[in-house]
Amino acid sequence: MSLLDKQGVRNPKAEVGLQFALTGPGTIVGVGNANPISTESYQRPERKTWQGRCLVIIKSSPQAGPLTLRATAQGLPPAEVTIASK
């Protein structure tokens, strides 16, 4: 996930706290941001961006169905992506 402006340009200085929620047959198994000095948990569904980026790792369950990952942050519109799990 990247924080982009209206022109689609990533802000390399953005450090924004994001909260993640997953719906569908799966779970969030980890989050990261590549910041070598971050002490945030890799297991909680929240993370600050670093250089405008953040990573969420999801694991689908054995059953098929759509997985929808939603990211929210204070002062920003929510972002959402849906993935087909087969």
N, C-alpha and C. Protein backbone atom coordinates (compact mmCIF):
# COMPACT_ATOMS: atom_id res chain seq x y z
N MET A 1 0.85 -1.16 0.00
CA MET A 1 0.00 0.00 0.00
C MET A 1 0.89 1.22 0.00
N SER A 2 0.58 2.19 -0.84
CA SER A 2 1.33 3.43 -0.93
C SER A 2 0.39 4.62 -0.75
N LEU A 3 0.88 5.66 -0.11
CA LEU A 3 0.13 6.90 0.03
C LEU A 3 0.44 7.78 -1.16
N LEU A 4 -0.57 8.03 -1.98
CA LEU A 4 -0.40 8.81 -3.20
C LEU A 4 -1.20 10.10 -3.13
N ASP A 5 -0.70 11.14 -3.81
CA ASP A 5 -1.47 12.37 -3.90
C ASP A 5 -2.46 12.27 -5.06
N LYS A 6 -3.17 13.36 -5.36
CA LYS A 6 -4.20 13.34 -6.41
C LYS A 6 -3.63 13.05 -7.79
N GLN A 7 -2.34 13.30 -7.98
CA GLN A 7 -1.71 13.03 -9.27
C GLN A 7 -1.11 11.62 -9.32
N GLY A 8 -1.26 10.85 -8.24
CA GLY A 8 -0.73 9.49 -8.20
C GLY A 8 0.73 9.39 -7.82
N VAL A 9 1.28 10.46 -7.23
CA VAL A 9 2.68 10.49 -6.84
C VAL A 9 2.80 10.12 -5.36
N ARG A 10 3.69 9.18 -5.04
CA ARG A 10 3.90 8.75 -3.65
C ARG A 10 4.66 9.82 -2.89
N ASN A 11 4.25 10.04 -1.64
CA ASN A 11 4.94 10.99 -0.76
C ASN A 11 5.99 10.22 0.03
N PRO A 12 7.28 10.36 -0.28
CA PRO A 12 8.30 9.57 0.39
C PRO A 12 8.55 9.96 1.85
N LYS A 13 7.92 11.03 2.31
CA LYS A 13 8.09 11.45 3.71
C LYS A 13 6.86 11.17 4.56
N ALA A 14 5.86 10.53 3.99
CA ALA A 14 4.61 10.29 4.70
C ALA A 14 4.78 9.21 5.77
N GLU A 15 4.38 9.53 6.98
CA GLU A 15 4.31 8.57 8.08
C GLU A 15 2.93 8.70 8.69
N VAL A 16 2.03 7.85 8.23
CA VAL A 16 0.63 7.90 8.63
C VAL A 16 0.24 6.57 9.25
N GLY A 17 -0.47 6.60 10.36
CA GLY A 17 -0.95 5.38 10.99
C GLY A 17 -2.14 4.81 10.24
N LEU A 18 -2.02 3.58 9.78
CA LEU A 18 -3.10 2.91 9.06
C LEU A 18 -3.66 1.77 9.89
N GLN A 19 -4.96 1.54 9.76
CA GLN A 19 -5.62 0.41 10.39
C GLN A 19 -6.18 -0.46 9.27
N PHE A 20 -6.03 -1.77 9.40
CA PHE A 20 -6.45 -2.70 8.35
C PHE A 20 -7.55 -3.62 8.85
N ALA A 21 -8.46 -3.97 7.94
CA ALA A 21 -9.52 -4.93 8.24
C ALA A 21 -9.68 -5.82 7.01
N LEU A 22 -9.86 -7.11 7.24
CA LEU A 22 -10.02 -8.07 6.16
C LEU A 22 -11.36 -8.76 6.31
N THR A 23 -12.12 -8.83 5.22
CA THR A 23 -13.36 -9.59 5.21
C THR A 23 -13.22 -10.69 4.16
N GLY A 24 -13.87 -11.80 4.41
CA GLY A 24 -13.78 -12.94 3.51
C GLY A 24 -13.02 -14.07 4.17
N PRO A 25 -12.80 -15.15 3.41
CA PRO A 25 -12.19 -16.35 3.98
C PRO A 25 -10.66 -16.24 4.09
N GLY A 26 -10.19 -15.49 5.08
CA GLY A 26 -8.76 -15.34 5.27
C GLY A 26 -8.45 -14.54 6.52
N THR A 27 -7.15 -14.34 6.78
CA THR A 27 -6.71 -13.58 7.94
C THR A 27 -5.50 -12.72 7.57
N ILE A 28 -5.31 -11.67 8.33
CA ILE A 28 -4.09 -10.86 8.22
C ILE A 28 -3.04 -11.55 9.08
N VAL A 29 -1.92 -11.93 8.48
CA VAL A 29 -0.89 -12.64 9.24
C VAL A 29 0.32 -11.76 9.57
N GLY A 30 0.42 -10.60 8.93
CA GLY A 30 1.54 -9.73 9.25
C GLY A 30 1.43 -8.39 8.56
N VAL A 31 2.08 -7.40 9.15
CA VAL A 31 2.17 -6.06 8.57
C VAL A 31 3.61 -5.59 8.71
N GLY A 32 4.03 -4.74 7.81
CA GLY A 32 5.40 -4.22 7.89
C GLY A 32 5.51 -2.93 7.13
N ASN A 33 6.66 -2.27 7.30
CA ASN A 33 6.89 -1.03 6.57
C ASN A 33 8.36 -0.86 6.16
N ALA A 34 9.21 -1.81 6.45
CA ALA A 34 10.64 -1.80 6.11
C ALA A 34 11.46 -0.78 6.89
N ASN A 35 10.87 -0.11 7.86
CA ASN A 35 11.61 0.84 8.67
C ASN A 35 12.50 0.04 9.64
N PRO A 36 13.81 0.15 9.52
CA PRO A 36 14.70 -0.68 10.34
C PRO A 36 14.69 -0.34 11.83
N ILE A 37 14.15 0.81 12.20
CA ILE A 37 14.13 1.16 13.63
C ILE A 37 12.72 1.13 14.22
N SER A 38 11.75 0.65 13.46
CA SER A 38 10.38 0.58 13.97
C SER A 38 10.27 -0.50 15.05
N THR A 39 9.52 -0.19 16.09
CA THR A 39 9.27 -1.17 17.15
C THR A 39 7.81 -1.61 17.18
N GLU A 40 7.07 -1.28 16.14
CA GLU A 40 5.65 -1.65 16.07
C GLU A 40 5.51 -3.17 15.89
N SER A 41 4.39 -3.71 16.36
CA SER A 41 4.12 -5.13 16.23
C SER A 41 3.89 -5.51 14.78
N TYR A 42 4.42 -6.66 14.38
CA TYR A 42 4.19 -7.20 13.05
C TYR A 42 2.87 -7.97 12.99
N GLN A 43 2.24 -8.18 14.13
CA GLN A 43 1.05 -9.02 14.21
C GLN A 43 -0.25 -8.26 14.38
N ARG A 44 -0.19 -7.00 14.74
CA ARG A 44 -1.42 -6.21 14.91
C ARG A 44 -1.87 -5.69 13.55
N PRO A 45 -3.16 -5.48 13.35
CA PRO A 45 -3.65 -5.00 12.05
C PRO A 45 -3.55 -3.49 11.89
N GLU A 46 -2.41 -2.93 12.30
CA GLU A 46 -2.18 -1.49 12.18
C GLU A 46 -0.69 -1.25 12.05
N ARG A 47 -0.35 -0.18 11.34
CA ARG A 47 1.06 0.11 11.10
C ARG A 47 1.19 1.53 10.58
N LYS A 48 2.28 2.20 10.93
CA LYS A 48 2.60 3.49 10.33
C LYS A 48 3.29 3.24 9.00
N THR A 49 2.99 4.09 8.03
CA THR A 49 3.72 4.00 6.77
C THR A 49 5.13 4.51 6.99
N TRP A 50 6.03 4.08 6.16
CA TRP A 50 7.40 4.60 6.17
C TRP A 50 7.75 4.90 4.72
N GLN A 51 8.20 6.09 4.46
CA GLN A 51 8.46 6.56 3.11
C GLN A 51 7.21 6.40 2.24
N GLY A 52 6.05 6.56 2.87
CA GLY A 52 4.78 6.51 2.16
C GLY A 52 4.28 5.11 1.84
N ARG A 53 4.91 4.07 2.42
CA ARG A 53 4.53 2.70 2.07
C ARG A 53 4.32 1.84 3.31
N CYS A 54 3.52 0.79 3.09
CA CYS A 54 3.23 -0.18 4.14
C CYS A 54 2.88 -1.50 3.45
N LEU A 55 3.11 -2.61 4.12
CA LEU A 55 2.86 -3.94 3.57
C LEU A 55 1.92 -4.71 4.48
N VAL A 56 0.94 -5.40 3.89
CA VAL A 56 0.04 -6.27 4.64
C VAL A 56 0.11 -7.66 4.00
N ILE A 57 0.34 -8.66 4.81
CA ILE A 57 0.40 -10.04 4.32
C ILE A 57 -0.88 -10.74 4.77
N ILE A 58 -1.60 -11.33 3.81
CA ILE A 58 -2.84 -12.04 4.14
C ILE A 58 -2.70 -13.50 3.74
N LYS A 59 -3.46 -14.34 4.43
CA LYS A 59 -3.47 -15.77 4.15
C LYS A 59 -4.92 -16.18 3.93
N SER A 60 -5.17 -16.79 2.79
CA SER A 60 -6.54 -17.24 2.53
C SER A 60 -6.78 -18.56 3.23
N SER A 61 -8.03 -18.84 3.52
CA SER A 61 -8.40 -20.12 4.11
C SER A 61 -8.63 -21.11 2.97
N PRO A 62 -8.83 -22.39 3.27
CA PRO A 62 -9.04 -23.38 2.21
C PRO A 62 -10.29 -23.13 1.36
N GLN A 63 -11.28 -22.44 1.90
CA GLN A 63 -12.49 -22.19 1.11
C GLN A 63 -12.29 -21.01 0.17
N ALA A 64 -12.91 -21.07 -0.98
CA ALA A 64 -12.81 -20.01 -1.99
C ALA A 64 -13.75 -18.85 -1.66
N GLY A 65 -13.42 -17.69 -2.18
CA GLY A 65 -14.27 -16.52 -2.00
C GLY A 65 -13.46 -15.25 -2.08
N PRO A 66 -14.14 -14.13 -2.22
CA PRO A 66 -13.42 -12.85 -2.31
C PRO A 66 -12.88 -12.40 -0.95
N LEU A 67 -11.66 -11.88 -0.97
CA LEU A 67 -11.04 -11.29 0.21
C LEU A 67 -10.98 -9.78 -0.03
N THR A 68 -11.49 -9.00 0.90
CA THR A 68 -11.46 -7.56 0.77
C THR A 68 -10.64 -6.97 1.91
N LEU A 69 -9.56 -6.29 1.54
CA LEU A 69 -8.70 -5.62 2.51
C LEU A 69 -9.03 -4.13 2.49
N ARG A 70 -9.31 -3.59 3.66
CA ARG A 70 -9.67 -2.17 3.79
C ARG A 70 -8.65 -1.49 4.70
N ALA A 71 -8.16 -0.34 4.26
CA ALA A 71 -7.23 0.45 5.05
C ALA A 71 -7.88 1.79 5.38
N THR A 72 -7.77 2.19 6.62
CA THR A 72 -8.32 3.48 7.05
C THR A 72 -7.24 4.25 7.81
N ALA A 73 -7.34 5.57 7.73
CA ALA A 73 -6.43 6.46 8.45
C ALA A 73 -7.17 7.74 8.74
N GLN A 74 -6.88 8.33 9.87
CA GLN A 74 -7.53 9.57 10.26
C GLN A 74 -7.20 10.66 9.24
N GLY A 75 -8.24 11.32 8.74
CA GLY A 75 -8.07 12.42 7.81
C GLY A 75 -7.90 12.02 6.35
N LEU A 76 -7.93 10.71 6.06
CA LEU A 76 -7.80 10.23 4.68
C LEU A 76 -9.01 9.37 4.32
N PRO A 77 -9.38 9.36 3.04
CA PRO A 77 -10.48 8.47 2.65
C PRO A 77 -10.03 7.02 2.74
N PRO A 78 -10.94 6.10 3.06
CA PRO A 78 -10.56 4.69 3.14
C PRO A 78 -10.15 4.14 1.77
N ALA A 79 -9.27 3.15 1.79
CA ALA A 79 -8.84 2.47 0.57
C ALA A 79 -9.21 1.00 0.69
N GLU A 80 -9.52 0.38 -0.43
CA GLU A 80 -10.00 -1.00 -0.39
C GLU A 80 -9.55 -1.73 -1.64
N VAL A 81 -9.20 -3.01 -1.48
CA VAL A 81 -8.86 -3.86 -2.61
C VAL A 81 -9.50 -5.23 -2.37
N THR A 82 -10.03 -5.83 -3.45
CA THR A 82 -10.64 -7.16 -3.35
C THR A 82 -9.85 -8.12 -4.22
N ILE A 83 -9.56 -9.28 -3.63
CA ILE A 83 -8.78 -10.32 -4.29
C ILE A 83 -9.63 -11.59 -4.35
N ALA A 84 -9.63 -12.27 -5.49
CA ALA A 84 -10.36 -13.53 -5.62
C ALA A 84 -9.51 -14.67 -5.08
N SER A 85 -10.03 -15.38 -4.09
CA SER A 85 -9.35 -16.54 -3.53
C SER A 85 -10.02 -17.78 -4.11
N LYS A 86 -9.22 -18.64 -4.73
CA LYS A 86 -9.77 -19.84 -5.40
C LYS A 86 -9.36 -21.10 -4.71
